[in-house]
Amino acid sequence: MHNRGEFNELSFCARSRSRAEPLSKHASDNNMRLTTKGRYAVTAMLDLALHSTGADADARAADAGDGGRAVTLADISARQGISPPYLQKLCSRLRGAGLICAARGPGGGYKLAIPATDISVSRILAAVDEGVDATRCGGSGDCQHGDQCLTHELWSDLSNQIDDFLAGVTLADVIERRAVRQVSARQRRQHPVGAAGPVDARIDARNLH
């Protein structure tokens, strides 16, 4: 596990690179930020893991790969404030990656296709073609007028550390955190299961950035 203080310091250094350094066409101040797509994918998967494995029996079923009970998109949308079309598109990608499966029958919904212990944050991001890259060139090495810049290897190493960190954190790890469970309990009180109503499943790809 990486030292949290060291990780935060490196992140700060990456955000604080000199403005005097020549910028290429790839340059961006947002390189280390996840897009809405990446953040929402992780959020949706975490909500799904929390509510499909909420009871002890369901948790044991999820550990065995059964996935627990199904969770509707309407309920995820209400709890997390993510639009239904956005969620539907994300779930399509997550399902295609084999992380979730659709549940048939009244109400429908989704549940985990594999145990939460086998689903890392980096795996979720990869499913929606996301990641966190500290380099300005996306790792291509043409960051300074078509050539590699002076700090490329430094930011490339940081990117690898971030990826290693996210690969080492699973959904099961996150849902064990006390603060996460407290937030989840508050969301359940505010948005009881089944109170959200039906979801309009039409997909607008323009909502997914």
N, C-alpha and C. Protein backbone atom coordinates (compact mmCIF):
# COMPACT_ATOMS: atom_id res chain seq x y z
N MET A 1 0.84 -1.19 0.00
CA MET A 1 0.00 0.00 0.00
C MET A 1 0.88 1.24 0.00
N HIS A 2 0.50 2.24 -0.77
CA HIS A 2 1.32 3.43 -0.88
C HIS A 2 1.10 4.33 0.31
N ASN A 3 2.15 5.09 0.69
CA ASN A 3 2.03 6.07 1.76
C ASN A 3 1.13 7.20 1.29
N ARG A 4 0.03 7.45 2.03
CA ARG A 4 -0.96 8.44 1.59
C ARG A 4 -0.38 9.84 1.49
N GLY A 5 0.50 10.19 2.47
CA GLY A 5 1.09 11.51 2.44
C GLY A 5 1.98 11.70 1.22
N GLU A 6 2.75 10.65 0.92
CA GLU A 6 3.64 10.71 -0.24
C GLU A 6 2.81 10.81 -1.52
N PHE A 7 1.72 10.04 -1.59
CA PHE A 7 0.85 10.04 -2.78
C PHE A 7 0.26 11.44 -3.01
N ASN A 8 -0.22 12.07 -1.91
CA ASN A 8 -0.81 13.40 -2.04
C ASN A 8 0.23 14.44 -2.43
N GLU A 9 1.45 14.29 -1.90
CA GLU A 9 2.51 15.23 -2.23
C GLU A 9 2.88 15.15 -3.70
N LEU A 10 2.98 13.92 -4.22
CA LEU A 10 3.28 13.75 -5.63
C LEU A 10 2.17 14.33 -6.49
N SER A 11 0.93 14.14 -6.07
CA SER A 11 -0.20 14.68 -6.82
C SER A 11 -0.12 16.20 -6.86
N PHE A 12 0.24 16.80 -5.71
CA PHE A 12 0.36 18.25 -5.65
C PHE A 12 1.46 18.73 -6.57
N CYS A 13 2.58 18.03 -6.58
CA CYS A 13 3.70 18.43 -7.44
C CYS A 13 3.30 18.37 -8.91
N ALA A 14 2.54 17.35 -9.27
CA ALA A 14 2.12 17.21 -10.66
C ALA A 14 1.21 18.34 -11.07
N ARG A 15 0.35 18.79 -10.15
CA ARG A 15 -0.56 19.89 -10.49
C ARG A 15 0.19 21.22 -10.53
N SER A 16 1.35 21.26 -9.86
CA SER A 16 2.06 22.52 -9.71
C SER A 16 3.24 22.67 -10.64
N ARG A 17 3.24 21.98 -11.79
CA ARG A 17 4.36 22.07 -12.71
C ARG A 17 4.49 23.50 -13.24
N SER A 18 5.70 23.88 -13.59
CA SER A 18 6.00 25.25 -13.99
C SER A 18 5.23 25.67 -15.23
N ARG A 19 4.67 26.88 -15.20
CA ARG A 19 3.98 27.42 -16.35
C ARG A 19 4.95 27.86 -17.43
N ALA A 20 6.24 27.96 -17.05
CA ALA A 20 7.24 28.42 -18.01
C ALA A 20 7.64 27.34 -19.00
N GLU A 21 7.35 26.10 -18.68
CA GLU A 21 7.75 25.01 -19.56
C GLU A 21 6.89 25.03 -20.82
N PRO A 22 7.48 24.91 -22.01
CA PRO A 22 6.71 24.95 -23.26
C PRO A 22 5.66 23.87 -23.27
N LEU A 23 4.45 24.23 -23.68
CA LEU A 23 3.34 23.30 -23.71
C LEU A 23 3.12 22.78 -25.12
N SER A 24 2.83 21.48 -25.23
CA SER A 24 2.51 20.90 -26.53
C SER A 24 1.02 20.95 -26.75
N LYS A 25 0.60 20.44 -27.88
CA LYS A 25 -0.82 20.43 -28.19
C LYS A 25 -1.59 19.51 -27.25
N HIS A 26 -0.85 18.62 -26.53
CA HIS A 26 -1.50 17.69 -25.62
C HIS A 26 -1.70 18.30 -24.24
N ALA A 27 -1.13 19.46 -23.98
CA ALA A 27 -1.10 20.00 -22.63
C ALA A 27 -2.49 20.25 -22.11
N SER A 28 -2.66 19.96 -20.81
CA SER A 28 -3.96 20.19 -20.17
C SER A 28 -3.75 20.31 -18.68
N ASP A 29 -4.50 21.19 -18.03
CA ASP A 29 -4.42 21.32 -16.58
C ASP A 29 -5.27 20.27 -15.89
N ASN A 30 -5.99 19.44 -16.66
CA ASN A 30 -6.91 18.49 -16.07
C ASN A 30 -6.46 17.05 -16.24
N ASN A 31 -5.18 16.82 -16.53
CA ASN A 31 -4.71 15.48 -16.84
C ASN A 31 -4.91 14.50 -15.70
N MET A 32 -4.84 14.98 -14.44
CA MET A 32 -4.94 14.07 -13.32
C MET A 32 -6.36 13.97 -12.78
N ARG A 33 -7.32 14.54 -13.47
CA ARG A 33 -8.70 14.46 -13.02
C ARG A 33 -9.44 13.37 -13.78
N LEU A 34 -10.26 12.63 -13.04
CA LEU A 34 -11.15 11.68 -13.70
C LEU A 34 -12.28 12.46 -14.35
N THR A 35 -12.73 12.01 -15.49
CA THR A 35 -13.89 12.62 -16.11
C THR A 35 -15.14 12.20 -15.37
N THR A 36 -16.25 12.84 -15.71
CA THR A 36 -17.53 12.47 -15.12
C THR A 36 -17.81 10.99 -15.35
N LYS A 37 -17.48 10.51 -16.52
CA LYS A 37 -17.72 9.10 -16.86
C LYS A 37 -17.02 8.17 -15.88
N GLY A 38 -15.75 8.44 -15.60
CA GLY A 38 -15.00 7.57 -14.69
C GLY A 38 -15.53 7.62 -13.27
N ARG A 39 -15.79 8.83 -12.79
CA ARG A 39 -16.30 9.00 -11.42
C ARG A 39 -17.65 8.33 -11.25
N TYR A 40 -18.53 8.53 -12.22
CA TYR A 40 -19.88 7.98 -12.11
C TYR A 40 -19.87 6.46 -12.24
N ALA A 41 -18.96 5.93 -13.04
CA ALA A 41 -18.87 4.47 -13.17
C ALA A 41 -18.50 3.84 -11.83
N VAL A 42 -17.52 4.43 -11.15
CA VAL A 42 -17.11 3.92 -9.84
C VAL A 42 -18.24 4.10 -8.84
N THR A 43 -18.89 5.25 -8.87
CA THR A 43 -20.00 5.52 -7.95
C THR A 43 -21.13 4.51 -8.14
N ALA A 44 -21.50 4.26 -9.41
CA ALA A 44 -22.58 3.33 -9.69
C ALA A 44 -22.23 1.92 -9.23
N MET A 45 -21.00 1.50 -9.47
CA MET A 45 -20.58 0.17 -9.05
C MET A 45 -20.54 0.04 -7.53
N LEU A 46 -20.14 1.10 -6.85
CA LEU A 46 -20.10 1.07 -5.40
C LEU A 46 -21.52 1.00 -4.83
N ASP A 47 -22.44 1.78 -5.41
CA ASP A 47 -23.84 1.73 -4.98
C ASP A 47 -24.41 0.33 -5.19
N LEU A 48 -24.10 -0.23 -6.35
CA LEU A 48 -24.58 -1.57 -6.67
C LEU A 48 -24.04 -2.60 -5.69
N ALA A 49 -22.76 -2.50 -5.36
CA ALA A 49 -22.14 -3.43 -4.43
C ALA A 49 -22.76 -3.30 -3.03
N LEU A 50 -22.99 -2.07 -2.61
CA LEU A 50 -23.55 -1.83 -1.28
C LEU A 50 -24.97 -2.35 -1.15
N HIS A 51 -25.76 -2.19 -2.18
CA HIS A 51 -27.18 -2.51 -2.06
C HIS A 51 -27.54 -3.89 -2.59
N SER A 52 -26.64 -4.51 -3.32
CA SER A 52 -26.91 -5.89 -3.74
C SER A 52 -26.34 -6.88 -2.74
N THR A 53 -25.48 -6.38 -1.85
CA THR A 53 -24.87 -7.26 -0.84
C THR A 53 -25.08 -6.70 0.56
N GLY A 54 -26.19 -6.00 0.74
CA GLY A 54 -26.42 -5.32 2.02
C GLY A 54 -26.61 -6.26 3.20
N ALA A 55 -27.33 -7.38 2.98
CA ALA A 55 -27.56 -8.33 4.07
C ALA A 55 -26.44 -9.36 4.11
N ASP A 56 -26.25 -9.97 5.28
CA ASP A 56 -25.18 -10.94 5.42
C ASP A 56 -25.33 -12.09 4.43
N ALA A 57 -26.54 -12.58 4.24
CA ALA A 57 -26.76 -13.69 3.32
C ALA A 57 -26.42 -13.29 1.90
N ASP A 58 -26.81 -12.08 1.54
CA ASP A 58 -26.51 -11.60 0.20
C ASP A 58 -25.02 -11.39 0.02
N ALA A 59 -24.35 -10.96 1.08
CA ALA A 59 -22.90 -10.75 1.00
C ALA A 59 -22.20 -12.08 0.74
N ARG A 60 -22.67 -13.13 1.42
CA ARG A 60 -22.06 -14.44 1.19
C ARG A 60 -22.32 -14.92 -0.24
N ALA A 61 -23.52 -14.60 -0.74
CA ALA A 61 -23.85 -14.99 -2.12
C ALA A 61 -22.96 -14.26 -3.10
N ALA A 62 -22.69 -12.97 -2.83
CA ALA A 62 -21.83 -12.18 -3.72
C ALA A 62 -20.41 -12.72 -3.69
N ASP A 63 -19.94 -13.11 -2.51
CA ASP A 63 -18.60 -13.67 -2.41
C ASP A 63 -18.49 -14.96 -3.22
N ALA A 64 -19.61 -15.65 -3.36
CA ALA A 64 -19.60 -16.89 -4.13
C ALA A 64 -19.79 -16.64 -5.62
N GLY A 65 -19.99 -15.36 -5.98
CA GLY A 65 -20.13 -15.01 -7.37
C GLY A 65 -21.57 -14.86 -7.82
N ASP A 66 -22.54 -15.03 -6.91
CA ASP A 66 -23.95 -14.94 -7.28
C ASP A 66 -24.38 -13.50 -7.52
N GLY A 67 -23.76 -12.55 -6.83
CA GLY A 67 -24.05 -11.14 -7.05
C GLY A 67 -25.11 -10.56 -6.15
N GLY A 68 -25.78 -11.39 -5.34
CA GLY A 68 -26.79 -10.86 -4.43
C GLY A 68 -28.07 -10.47 -5.16
N ARG A 69 -28.82 -9.54 -4.56
CA ARG A 69 -30.09 -9.13 -5.14
C ARG A 69 -29.89 -8.02 -6.16
N ALA A 70 -30.84 -7.91 -7.07
CA ALA A 70 -30.74 -6.90 -8.13
C ALA A 70 -31.06 -5.51 -7.60
N VAL A 71 -30.43 -4.52 -8.19
CA VAL A 71 -30.65 -3.12 -7.83
C VAL A 71 -31.12 -2.38 -9.08
N THR A 72 -32.18 -1.63 -8.98
CA THR A 72 -32.72 -0.95 -10.15
C THR A 72 -31.95 0.34 -10.46
N LEU A 73 -31.95 0.72 -11.73
CA LEU A 73 -31.30 1.97 -12.12
C LEU A 73 -32.02 3.15 -11.50
N ALA A 74 -33.34 3.04 -11.31
CA ALA A 74 -34.10 4.13 -10.70
C ALA A 74 -33.60 4.43 -9.30
N ASP A 75 -33.32 3.37 -8.52
CA ASP A 75 -32.84 3.57 -7.16
C ASP A 75 -31.42 4.14 -7.14
N ILE A 76 -30.55 3.63 -8.02
CA ILE A 76 -29.18 4.17 -8.09
C ILE A 76 -29.24 5.64 -8.49
N SER A 77 -30.06 5.95 -9.48
CA SER A 77 -30.19 7.33 -9.96
C SER A 77 -30.64 8.26 -8.85
N ALA A 78 -31.63 7.83 -8.07
CA ALA A 78 -32.16 8.68 -6.99
C ALA A 78 -31.12 8.89 -5.89
N ARG A 79 -30.41 7.82 -5.53
CA ARG A 79 -29.44 7.94 -4.43
C ARG A 79 -28.21 8.74 -4.83
N GLN A 80 -27.75 8.59 -6.07
CA GLN A 80 -26.48 9.18 -6.45
C GLN A 80 -26.60 10.43 -7.33
N GLY A 81 -27.81 10.77 -7.75
CA GLY A 81 -28.00 11.97 -8.56
C GLY A 81 -27.42 11.85 -9.95
N ILE A 82 -27.44 10.64 -10.49
CA ILE A 82 -26.95 10.39 -11.85
C ILE A 82 -28.15 10.17 -12.75
N SER A 83 -28.18 10.83 -13.89
CA SER A 83 -29.34 10.71 -14.76
C SER A 83 -29.50 9.28 -15.27
N PRO A 84 -30.75 8.80 -15.42
CA PRO A 84 -31.00 7.44 -15.90
C PRO A 84 -30.34 7.13 -17.26
N PRO A 85 -30.42 8.03 -18.25
CA PRO A 85 -29.74 7.72 -19.52
C PRO A 85 -28.23 7.52 -19.36
N TYR A 86 -27.64 8.36 -18.52
CA TYR A 86 -26.20 8.23 -18.24
C TYR A 86 -25.91 6.87 -17.62
N LEU A 87 -26.70 6.52 -16.62
CA LEU A 87 -26.52 5.24 -15.94
C LEU A 87 -26.69 4.06 -16.90
N GLN A 88 -27.69 4.15 -17.76
CA GLN A 88 -27.95 3.06 -18.69
C GLN A 88 -26.75 2.83 -19.61
N LYS A 89 -26.16 3.92 -20.08
CA LYS A 89 -24.99 3.80 -20.95
C LYS A 89 -23.80 3.21 -20.19
N LEU A 90 -23.58 3.68 -18.97
CA LEU A 90 -22.49 3.15 -18.16
C LEU A 90 -22.67 1.66 -17.90
N CYS A 91 -23.90 1.28 -17.53
CA CYS A 91 -24.17 -0.12 -17.22
C CYS A 91 -23.98 -1.01 -18.44
N SER A 92 -24.26 -0.48 -19.60
CA SER A 92 -24.04 -1.24 -20.83
C SER A 92 -22.56 -1.58 -20.98
N ARG A 93 -21.70 -0.61 -20.68
CA ARG A 93 -20.26 -0.84 -20.79
C ARG A 93 -19.76 -1.77 -19.68
N LEU A 94 -20.27 -1.56 -18.46
CA LEU A 94 -19.85 -2.40 -17.34
C LEU A 94 -20.31 -3.84 -17.54
N ARG A 95 -21.48 -3.99 -18.12
CA ARG A 95 -21.99 -5.33 -18.42
C ARG A 95 -21.14 -5.98 -19.51
N GLY A 96 -20.77 -5.20 -20.52
CA GLY A 96 -19.93 -5.73 -21.59
C GLY A 96 -18.56 -6.18 -21.10
N ALA A 97 -18.10 -5.56 -20.01
CA ALA A 97 -16.81 -5.93 -19.43
C ALA A 97 -16.93 -7.10 -18.47
N GLY A 98 -18.15 -7.59 -18.27
CA GLY A 98 -18.35 -8.74 -17.40
C GLY A 98 -18.37 -8.42 -15.92
N LEU A 99 -18.54 -7.14 -15.56
CA LEU A 99 -18.54 -6.76 -14.14
C LEU A 99 -19.92 -6.85 -13.52
N ILE A 100 -20.97 -6.63 -14.31
CA ILE A 100 -22.34 -6.71 -13.80
C ILE A 100 -23.18 -7.53 -14.77
N CYS A 101 -24.35 -7.94 -14.32
CA CYS A 101 -25.27 -8.67 -15.19
C CYS A 101 -26.68 -8.15 -14.93
N ALA A 102 -27.52 -8.23 -15.94
CA ALA A 102 -28.89 -7.77 -15.84
C ALA A 102 -29.74 -8.85 -15.18
N ALA A 103 -30.67 -8.40 -14.35
CA ALA A 103 -31.58 -9.33 -13.68
C ALA A 103 -32.94 -9.27 -14.35
N ARG A 104 -33.50 -10.43 -14.63
CA ARG A 104 -34.80 -10.50 -15.27
C ARG A 104 -35.90 -10.55 -14.21
N GLY A 105 -37.13 -10.38 -14.68
CA GLY A 105 -38.25 -10.46 -13.77
C GLY A 105 -38.78 -9.09 -13.40
N PRO A 106 -39.81 -9.03 -12.55
CA PRO A 106 -40.43 -7.76 -12.14
C PRO A 106 -39.40 -6.78 -11.58
N GLY A 107 -39.40 -5.59 -12.12
CA GLY A 107 -38.48 -4.57 -11.61
C GLY A 107 -37.14 -4.58 -12.30
N GLY A 108 -36.65 -5.77 -12.66
CA GLY A 108 -35.36 -5.86 -13.33
C GLY A 108 -34.23 -5.31 -12.48
N GLY A 109 -33.26 -4.71 -13.13
CA GLY A 109 -32.12 -4.15 -12.43
C GLY A 109 -30.83 -4.86 -12.77
N TYR A 110 -29.80 -4.57 -11.98
CA TYR A 110 -28.47 -5.15 -12.19
C TYR A 110 -27.92 -5.68 -10.88
N LYS A 111 -26.99 -6.60 -11.00
CA LYS A 111 -26.25 -7.07 -9.84
C LYS A 111 -24.83 -7.42 -10.28
N LEU A 112 -23.95 -7.61 -9.31
CA LEU A 112 -22.56 -7.92 -9.63
C LEU A 112 -22.48 -9.27 -10.32
N ALA A 113 -21.64 -9.35 -11.35
CA ALA A 113 -21.45 -10.61 -12.06
C ALA A 113 -20.33 -11.44 -11.44
N ILE A 114 -19.46 -10.77 -10.70
CA ILE A 114 -18.35 -11.44 -10.03
C ILE A 114 -18.24 -10.87 -8.62
N PRO A 115 -17.54 -11.54 -7.71
CA PRO A 115 -17.44 -11.04 -6.34
C PRO A 115 -16.84 -9.64 -6.25
N ALA A 116 -17.30 -8.87 -5.28
CA ALA A 116 -16.79 -7.51 -5.07
C ALA A 116 -15.29 -7.53 -4.77
N THR A 117 -14.81 -8.62 -4.22
CA THR A 117 -13.38 -8.74 -3.90
C THR A 117 -12.53 -8.83 -5.16
N ASP A 118 -13.16 -9.14 -6.30
CA ASP A 118 -12.42 -9.28 -7.56
C ASP A 118 -12.56 -8.06 -8.47
N ILE A 119 -13.26 -7.04 -8.00
CA ILE A 119 -13.49 -5.86 -8.83
C ILE A 119 -12.71 -4.68 -8.26
N SER A 120 -11.60 -4.36 -8.91
CA SER A 120 -10.79 -3.22 -8.46
C SER A 120 -11.29 -1.94 -9.11
N VAL A 121 -10.92 -0.82 -8.52
CA VAL A 121 -11.30 0.48 -9.08
C VAL A 121 -10.72 0.65 -10.47
N SER A 122 -9.49 0.21 -10.67
CA SER A 122 -8.87 0.35 -11.99
C SER A 122 -9.59 -0.49 -13.03
N ARG A 123 -10.12 -1.61 -12.62
CA ARG A 123 -10.87 -2.47 -13.54
C ARG A 123 -12.17 -1.79 -13.98
N ILE A 124 -12.80 -1.09 -13.07
CA ILE A 124 -14.02 -0.35 -13.40
C ILE A 124 -13.70 0.76 -14.40
N LEU A 125 -12.64 1.51 -14.13
CA LEU A 125 -12.25 2.60 -15.03
C LEU A 125 -11.91 2.08 -16.41
N ALA A 126 -11.22 0.95 -16.47
CA ALA A 126 -10.86 0.37 -17.76
C ALA A 126 -12.10 -0.04 -18.54
N ALA A 127 -13.14 -0.47 -17.83
CA ALA A 127 -14.37 -0.91 -18.49
C ALA A 127 -15.05 0.22 -19.25
N VAL A 128 -14.84 1.46 -18.78
CA VAL A 128 -15.45 2.60 -19.46
C VAL A 128 -14.39 3.45 -20.17
N ASP A 129 -13.25 2.82 -20.45
CA ASP A 129 -12.15 3.48 -21.18
C ASP A 129 -11.64 4.71 -20.46
N GLU A 130 -11.47 4.59 -19.16
CA GLU A 130 -10.98 5.70 -18.36
C GLU A 130 -9.69 5.32 -17.65
N GLY A 131 -9.02 6.32 -17.10
CA GLY A 131 -7.82 6.12 -16.32
C GLY A 131 -7.32 7.47 -15.85
N VAL A 132 -6.31 7.47 -15.00
CA VAL A 132 -5.71 8.71 -14.52
C VAL A 132 -4.27 8.76 -15.00
N ASP A 133 -3.97 9.73 -15.85
CA ASP A 133 -2.64 9.85 -16.45
C ASP A 133 -2.04 11.20 -16.09
N ALA A 134 -0.87 11.19 -15.45
CA ALA A 134 -0.23 12.42 -15.01
C ALA A 134 0.60 13.08 -16.12
N THR A 135 0.85 12.36 -17.21
CA THR A 135 1.63 12.96 -18.30
C THR A 135 0.77 13.90 -19.14
N ARG A 136 1.43 14.80 -19.86
CA ARG A 136 0.70 15.72 -20.72
C ARG A 136 0.42 15.12 -22.09
N CYS A 137 1.10 14.01 -22.39
CA CYS A 137 1.03 13.45 -23.75
C CYS A 137 0.25 12.15 -23.82
N GLY A 138 -0.36 11.76 -22.70
CA GLY A 138 -1.09 10.51 -22.69
C GLY A 138 -0.18 9.30 -22.76
N GLY A 139 1.09 9.49 -22.39
CA GLY A 139 2.05 8.40 -22.39
C GLY A 139 2.74 8.17 -23.72
N SER A 140 2.42 9.00 -24.73
CA SER A 140 2.98 8.77 -26.07
C SER A 140 4.43 9.23 -26.19
N GLY A 141 4.89 10.12 -25.29
CA GLY A 141 6.28 10.55 -25.32
C GLY A 141 6.58 11.65 -26.32
N ASP A 142 5.53 12.31 -26.84
CA ASP A 142 5.77 13.42 -27.79
C ASP A 142 5.31 14.74 -27.18
N CYS A 143 5.63 14.90 -25.89
CA CYS A 143 5.08 16.01 -25.12
C CYS A 143 5.73 17.37 -25.37
N GLN A 144 6.88 17.42 -26.00
CA GLN A 144 7.53 18.70 -26.26
C GLN A 144 7.91 18.79 -27.74
N HIS A 145 7.03 19.41 -28.51
CA HIS A 145 7.27 19.59 -29.94
C HIS A 145 7.56 18.26 -30.65
N GLY A 146 6.82 17.23 -30.28
CA GLY A 146 6.98 15.92 -30.92
C GLY A 146 8.01 15.02 -30.28
N ASP A 147 8.77 15.54 -29.31
CA ASP A 147 9.77 14.74 -28.60
C ASP A 147 9.39 14.61 -27.14
N GLN A 148 10.09 13.75 -26.43
CA GLN A 148 9.83 13.55 -25.01
C GLN A 148 10.33 14.74 -24.20
N CYS A 149 9.51 15.20 -23.26
CA CYS A 149 9.91 16.34 -22.43
C CYS A 149 10.79 15.89 -21.27
N LEU A 150 11.37 16.86 -20.59
CA LEU A 150 12.33 16.58 -19.53
C LEU A 150 11.71 15.81 -18.37
N THR A 151 10.43 16.07 -18.07
CA THR A 151 9.80 15.46 -16.90
C THR A 151 8.89 14.27 -17.25
N HIS A 152 8.96 13.81 -18.49
CA HIS A 152 8.05 12.73 -18.91
C HIS A 152 8.16 11.49 -18.04
N GLU A 153 9.39 11.05 -17.76
CA GLU A 153 9.57 9.83 -16.98
C GLU A 153 9.03 9.98 -15.57
N LEU A 154 9.17 11.17 -15.00
CA LEU A 154 8.67 11.41 -13.65
C LEU A 154 7.16 11.23 -13.60
N TRP A 155 6.45 11.91 -14.53
CA TRP A 155 4.98 11.83 -14.52
C TRP A 155 4.51 10.46 -14.97
N SER A 156 5.29 9.79 -15.80
CA SER A 156 4.94 8.43 -16.20
C SER A 156 5.02 7.48 -15.01
N ASP A 157 6.06 7.65 -14.18
CA ASP A 157 6.19 6.83 -12.98
C ASP A 157 5.03 7.09 -12.02
N LEU A 158 4.62 8.37 -11.91
CA LEU A 158 3.49 8.71 -11.05
C LEU A 158 2.21 8.04 -11.56
N SER A 159 2.02 8.06 -12.87
CA SER A 159 0.85 7.42 -13.46
C SER A 159 0.81 5.93 -13.10
N ASN A 160 1.98 5.30 -13.16
CA ASN A 160 2.05 3.88 -12.82
C ASN A 160 1.72 3.63 -11.35
N GLN A 161 2.16 4.54 -10.48
CA GLN A 161 1.86 4.40 -9.06
C GLN A 161 0.37 4.57 -8.80
N ILE A 162 -0.24 5.52 -9.50
CA ILE A 162 -1.68 5.72 -9.36
C ILE A 162 -2.43 4.46 -9.81
N ASP A 163 -2.02 3.92 -10.93
CA ASP A 163 -2.67 2.72 -11.46
C ASP A 163 -2.50 1.55 -10.50
N ASP A 164 -1.30 1.41 -9.93
CA ASP A 164 -1.06 0.34 -8.97
C ASP A 164 -1.94 0.53 -7.73
N PHE A 165 -2.08 1.78 -7.30
CA PHE A 165 -2.91 2.08 -6.12
C PHE A 165 -4.36 1.70 -6.38
N LEU A 166 -4.90 2.12 -7.52
CA LEU A 166 -6.30 1.84 -7.85
C LEU A 166 -6.53 0.35 -8.11
N ALA A 167 -5.51 -0.32 -8.63
CA ALA A 167 -5.62 -1.77 -8.87
C ALA A 167 -5.65 -2.54 -7.56
N GLY A 168 -5.12 -1.94 -6.51
CA GLY A 168 -5.07 -2.60 -5.21
C GLY A 168 -6.26 -2.31 -4.32
N VAL A 169 -7.21 -1.51 -4.81
CA VAL A 169 -8.41 -1.17 -4.04
C VAL A 169 -9.62 -1.80 -4.71
N THR A 170 -10.31 -2.68 -4.02
CA THR A 170 -11.49 -3.34 -4.58
C THR A 170 -12.76 -2.73 -4.01
N LEU A 171 -13.89 -3.06 -4.65
CA LEU A 171 -15.18 -2.61 -4.12
C LEU A 171 -15.39 -3.11 -2.69
N ALA A 172 -14.95 -4.33 -2.44
CA ALA A 172 -15.09 -4.90 -1.10
C ALA A 172 -14.32 -4.08 -0.07
N ASP A 173 -13.14 -3.58 -0.46
CA ASP A 173 -12.35 -2.74 0.44
C ASP A 173 -13.09 -1.46 0.77
N VAL A 174 -13.67 -0.84 -0.26
CA VAL A 174 -14.30 0.46 -0.08
C VAL A 174 -15.56 0.35 0.78
N ILE A 175 -16.39 -0.68 0.55
CA ILE A 175 -17.64 -0.77 1.30
C ILE A 175 -17.41 -1.14 2.76
N GLU A 176 -16.20 -1.54 3.11
CA GLU A 176 -15.90 -1.82 4.51
C GLU A 176 -15.57 -0.56 5.29
N ARG A 177 -15.37 0.54 4.59
CA ARG A 177 -15.01 1.78 5.27
C ARG A 177 -16.22 2.35 6.01
N ARG A 178 -16.00 2.74 7.23
CA ARG A 178 -17.09 3.22 8.07
C ARG A 178 -17.78 4.44 7.47
N ALA A 179 -16.98 5.38 6.96
CA ALA A 179 -17.55 6.60 6.40
C ALA A 179 -18.44 6.30 5.19
N VAL A 180 -18.02 5.33 4.38
CA VAL A 180 -18.80 4.95 3.21
C VAL A 180 -20.15 4.36 3.64
N ARG A 181 -20.13 3.52 4.65
CA ARG A 181 -21.37 2.92 5.14
C ARG A 181 -22.29 3.97 5.75
N GLN A 182 -21.72 4.97 6.40
CA GLN A 182 -22.54 6.03 6.97
C GLN A 182 -23.23 6.85 5.87
N VAL A 183 -22.50 7.17 4.83
CA VAL A 183 -23.09 7.89 3.70
C VAL A 183 -24.18 7.05 3.05
N SER A 184 -23.91 5.77 2.88
CA SER A 184 -24.88 4.87 2.26
C SER A 184 -26.16 4.79 3.08
N ALA A 185 -26.01 4.73 4.40
CA ALA A 185 -27.19 4.67 5.28
C ALA A 185 -28.01 5.95 5.17
N ARG A 186 -27.34 7.08 5.08
CA ARG A 186 -28.06 8.35 4.93
C ARG A 186 -28.81 8.39 3.61
N GLN A 187 -28.17 7.93 2.55
CA GLN A 187 -28.81 7.92 1.24
C GLN A 187 -30.03 7.00 1.23
N ARG A 188 -29.96 5.87 1.92
CA ARG A 188 -31.10 4.96 1.99
C ARG A 188 -32.27 5.58 2.73
N ARG A 189 -31.96 6.35 3.77
CA ARG A 189 -33.02 7.03 4.51
C ARG A 189 -33.70 8.09 3.64
N GLN A 190 -32.87 8.80 2.88
CA GLN A 190 -33.40 9.87 2.04
C GLN A 190 -34.13 9.34 0.81
N HIS A 191 -33.69 8.18 0.30
CA HIS A 191 -34.27 7.61 -0.91
C HIS A 191 -34.53 6.12 -0.70
N PRO A 192 -35.63 5.78 -0.03
CA PRO A 192 -35.94 4.37 0.23
C PRO A 192 -36.02 3.56 -1.06
N VAL A 193 -35.64 2.30 -0.98
CA VAL A 193 -35.67 1.41 -2.14
C VAL A 193 -37.07 1.33 -2.72
N GLY A 194 -37.19 1.50 -4.02
CA GLY A 194 -38.47 1.40 -4.70
C GLY A 194 -39.25 2.68 -4.78
N ALA A 195 -38.77 3.74 -4.10
CA ALA A 195 -39.52 4.99 -4.07
C ALA A 195 -39.25 5.86 -5.29
N ALA A 196 -38.25 5.50 -6.09
CA ALA A 196 -37.84 6.35 -7.21
C ALA A 196 -38.77 6.23 -8.41
N GLY A 197 -39.50 5.11 -8.55
CA GLY A 197 -40.37 4.93 -9.70
C GLY A 197 -39.61 4.37 -10.88
N PRO A 198 -40.29 4.19 -12.01
CA PRO A 198 -39.66 3.59 -13.19
C PRO A 198 -38.63 4.50 -13.81
N VAL A 199 -37.71 3.89 -14.55
CA VAL A 199 -36.64 4.63 -15.22
C VAL A 199 -36.91 4.70 -16.71
N ASP A 200 -36.70 5.88 -17.28
CA ASP A 200 -36.73 6.01 -18.73
C ASP A 200 -35.40 5.51 -19.25
N ALA A 201 -35.39 4.38 -19.93
CA ALA A 201 -34.14 3.72 -20.30
C ALA A 201 -33.57 4.21 -21.63
N ARG A 202 -34.16 5.26 -22.21
CA ARG A 202 -33.61 5.75 -23.45
C ARG A 202 -32.22 6.30 -23.23
N ILE A 203 -31.31 6.01 -24.17
CA ILE A 203 -29.91 6.39 -24.03
C ILE A 203 -29.60 7.59 -24.89
N ASP A 204 -29.01 8.60 -24.28
CA ASP A 204 -28.52 9.74 -25.04
C ASP A 204 -27.01 9.76 -24.86
N ALA A 205 -26.28 9.29 -25.85
CA ALA A 205 -24.83 9.18 -25.75
C ALA A 205 -24.17 10.53 -25.56
N ARG A 206 -24.86 11.61 -25.91
CA ARG A 206 -24.26 12.94 -25.74
C ARG A 206 -24.08 13.28 -24.26
N ASN A 207 -24.81 12.59 -23.39
CA ASN A 207 -24.68 12.85 -21.96
C ASN A 207 -23.43 12.21 -21.36
N LEU A 208 -22.77 11.37 -22.12
CA LEU A 208 -21.64 10.60 -21.60
C LEU A 208 -20.34 11.19 -22.10
N HIS A 209 -19.62 11.93 -21.26
CA HIS A 209 -18.37 12.57 -21.65
C HIS A 209 -17.22 11.93 -20.91
